[in-house]
């Protein structure tokens, strides 16, 4: 299993956030964090690295719950 940060929209495109996204061994989308993730680090270098990973997510396609098998978006 692997993970990375991805931009997601959970309320029909009204807002966007950074979420942790987890992948199956075959690379397929599996799970995502229920809440948006805030940048963090135990020191400035870790915070910088965490922010870099988050900004990298801006270069990838935006995900929605419908991209995850078996997960439906709340109505």
C-alpha atoms as a PDB file:
ATOM      1  CA  UNK A   1       0.000   0.000   0.000  1.00  0.00           C
ATOM      2  CA  UNK A   2       1.181   3.517  -0.761  1.00  0.00           C
ATOM      3  CA  UNK A   3      -0.214   7.002  -0.284  1.00  0.00           C
ATOM      4  CA  UNK A   4       0.211  10.601  -1.335  1.00  0.00           C
ATOM      5  CA  UNK A   5      -1.565  13.919  -1.111  1.00  0.00           C
ATOM      6  CA  UNK A   6      -4.242  14.697  -3.701  1.00  0.00           C
ATOM      7  CA  UNK A   7      -6.650  17.525  -4.302  1.00  0.00           C
ATOM      8  CA  UNK A   8     -10.233  16.393  -3.797  1.00  0.00           C
ATOM      9  CA  UNK A   9     -13.633  17.959  -4.014  1.00  0.00           C
ATOM     10  CA  UNK A  10     -16.221  16.363  -1.744  1.00  0.00           C
ATOM     11  CA  UNK A  11     -19.251  18.604  -2.165  1.00  0.00           C
ATOM     12  CA  UNK A  12     -19.992  18.587  -5.857  1.00  0.00           C
ATOM     13  CA  UNK A  13     -17.197  20.997  -6.784  1.00  0.00           C
ATOM     14  CA  UNK A  14     -18.106  23.768  -4.342  1.00  0.00           C
ATOM     15  CA  UNK A  15     -14.782  23.561  -2.492  1.00  0.00           C
ATOM     16  CA  UNK A  16     -11.439  21.814  -2.749  1.00  0.00           C
ATOM     17  CA  UNK A  17      -8.993  20.433  -0.201  1.00  0.00           C
ATOM     18  CA  UNK A  18      -5.824  18.374   0.149  1.00  0.00           C
ATOM     19  CA  UNK A  19      -6.457  14.812   1.339  1.00  0.00           C
ATOM     20  CA  UNK A  20      -4.326  11.774   2.008  1.00  0.00           C
ATOM     21  CA  UNK A  21      -5.118   9.181  -0.660  1.00  0.00           C
ATOM     22  CA  UNK A  22      -4.216   5.521  -0.301  1.00  0.00           C
ATOM     23  CA  UNK A  23      -3.621   3.075  -3.128  1.00  0.00           C
ATOM     24  CA  UNK A  24      -3.891  -0.698  -3.386  1.00  0.00           C
ATOM     25  CA  UNK A  25      -0.830  -2.791  -4.237  1.00  0.00           C
ATOM     26  CA  UNK A  26      -1.821  -2.660  -7.914  1.00  0.00           C
ATOM     27  CA  UNK A  27      -1.903   1.167  -7.840  1.00  0.00           C
ATOM     28  CA  UNK A  28      -5.709   1.485  -7.856  1.00  0.00           C
ATOM     29  CA  UNK A  29      -7.345   4.132  -5.670  1.00  0.00           C
ATOM     30  CA  UNK A  30      -8.488   2.661  -2.360  1.00  0.00           C
ATOM     31  CA  UNK A  31      -9.262   5.164   0.444  1.00  0.00           C
ATOM     32  CA  UNK A  32      -8.999   8.865   1.270  1.00  0.00           C
ATOM     33  CA  UNK A  33      -8.920  10.858   4.498  1.00  0.00           C
ATOM     34  CA  UNK A  34     -12.348  12.110   5.560  1.00  0.00           C
ATOM     35  CA  UNK A  35     -11.001  15.566   6.418  1.00  0.00           C
ATOM     36  CA  UNK A  36      -8.608  17.911   4.669  1.00  0.00           C
ATOM     37  CA  UNK A  37      -4.985  17.733   5.794  1.00  0.00           C
ATOM     38  CA  UNK A  38      -3.081  20.683   7.249  1.00  0.00           C
ATOM     39  CA  UNK A  39       0.659  21.061   6.673  1.00  0.00           C
ATOM     40  CA  UNK A  40       2.820  20.000   9.615  1.00  0.00           C
ATOM     41  CA  UNK A  41       6.328  19.086  10.636  1.00  0.00           C
ATOM     42  CA  UNK A  42       8.450  18.667  13.742  1.00  0.00           C
ATOM     43  CA  UNK A  43      10.849  21.276  12.363  1.00  0.00           C
ATOM     44  CA  UNK A  44      10.979  23.770   9.513  1.00  0.00           C
ATOM     45  CA  UNK A  45      12.594  21.294   7.104  1.00  0.00           C
ATOM     46  CA  UNK A  46       9.867  18.709   7.674  1.00  0.00           C
ATOM     47  CA  UNK A  47       7.212  21.395   7.248  1.00  0.00           C
ATOM     48  CA  UNK A  48       8.848  22.509   3.988  1.00  0.00           C
ATOM     49  CA  UNK A  49       8.896  18.905   2.698  1.00  0.00           C
ATOM     50  CA  UNK A  50       5.259  18.396   3.684  1.00  0.00           C
ATOM     51  CA  UNK A  51       4.232  21.585   1.877  1.00  0.00           C
ATOM     52  CA  UNK A  52       6.150  20.455  -1.219  1.00  0.00           C
ATOM     53  CA  UNK A  53       4.237  17.174  -1.282  1.00  0.00           C
ATOM     54  CA  UNK A  54       0.990  19.133  -0.993  1.00  0.00           C
ATOM     55  CA  UNK A  55       1.885  21.519  -3.816  1.00  0.00           C
ATOM     56  CA  UNK A  56       2.841  18.514  -5.968  1.00  0.00           C
ATOM     57  CA  UNK A  57      -0.792  17.401  -5.608  1.00  0.00           C
ATOM     58  CA  UNK A  58      -1.889  20.533  -7.480  1.00  0.00           C
ATOM     59  CA  UNK A  59      -0.290  19.131 -10.647  1.00  0.00           C
ATOM     60  CA  UNK A  60      -2.403  15.949 -10.604  1.00  0.00           C
ATOM     61  CA  UNK A  61      -6.057  15.517 -11.591  1.00  0.00           C
ATOM     62  CA  UNK A  62      -8.630  16.486  -8.964  1.00  0.00           C
ATOM     63  CA  UNK A  63     -10.367  13.480  -7.424  1.00  0.00           C
ATOM     64  CA  UNK A  64     -13.941  12.972  -6.218  1.00  0.00           C
ATOM     65  CA  UNK A  65     -15.425  10.131  -4.165  1.00  0.00           C
ATOM     66  CA  UNK A  66     -16.760   8.604  -7.384  1.00  0.00           C
ATOM     67  CA  UNK A  67     -13.136   7.874  -8.360  1.00  0.00           C
ATOM     68  CA  UNK A  68     -12.969   5.353  -5.500  1.00  0.00           C
ATOM     69  CA  UNK A  69     -14.673   1.977  -6.046  1.00  0.00           C
ATOM     70  CA  UNK A  70     -17.463   1.383  -3.552  1.00  0.00           C
ATOM     71  CA  UNK A  71     -17.528   4.935  -2.145  1.00  0.00           C
ATOM     72  CA  UNK A  72     -20.464   7.224  -2.828  1.00  0.00           C
ATOM     73  CA  UNK A  73     -20.462  10.987  -2.376  1.00  0.00           C
ATOM     74  CA  UNK A  74     -22.814  12.307   0.301  1.00  0.00           C
ATOM     75  CA  UNK A  75     -25.897  13.923  -1.151  1.00  0.00           C
END
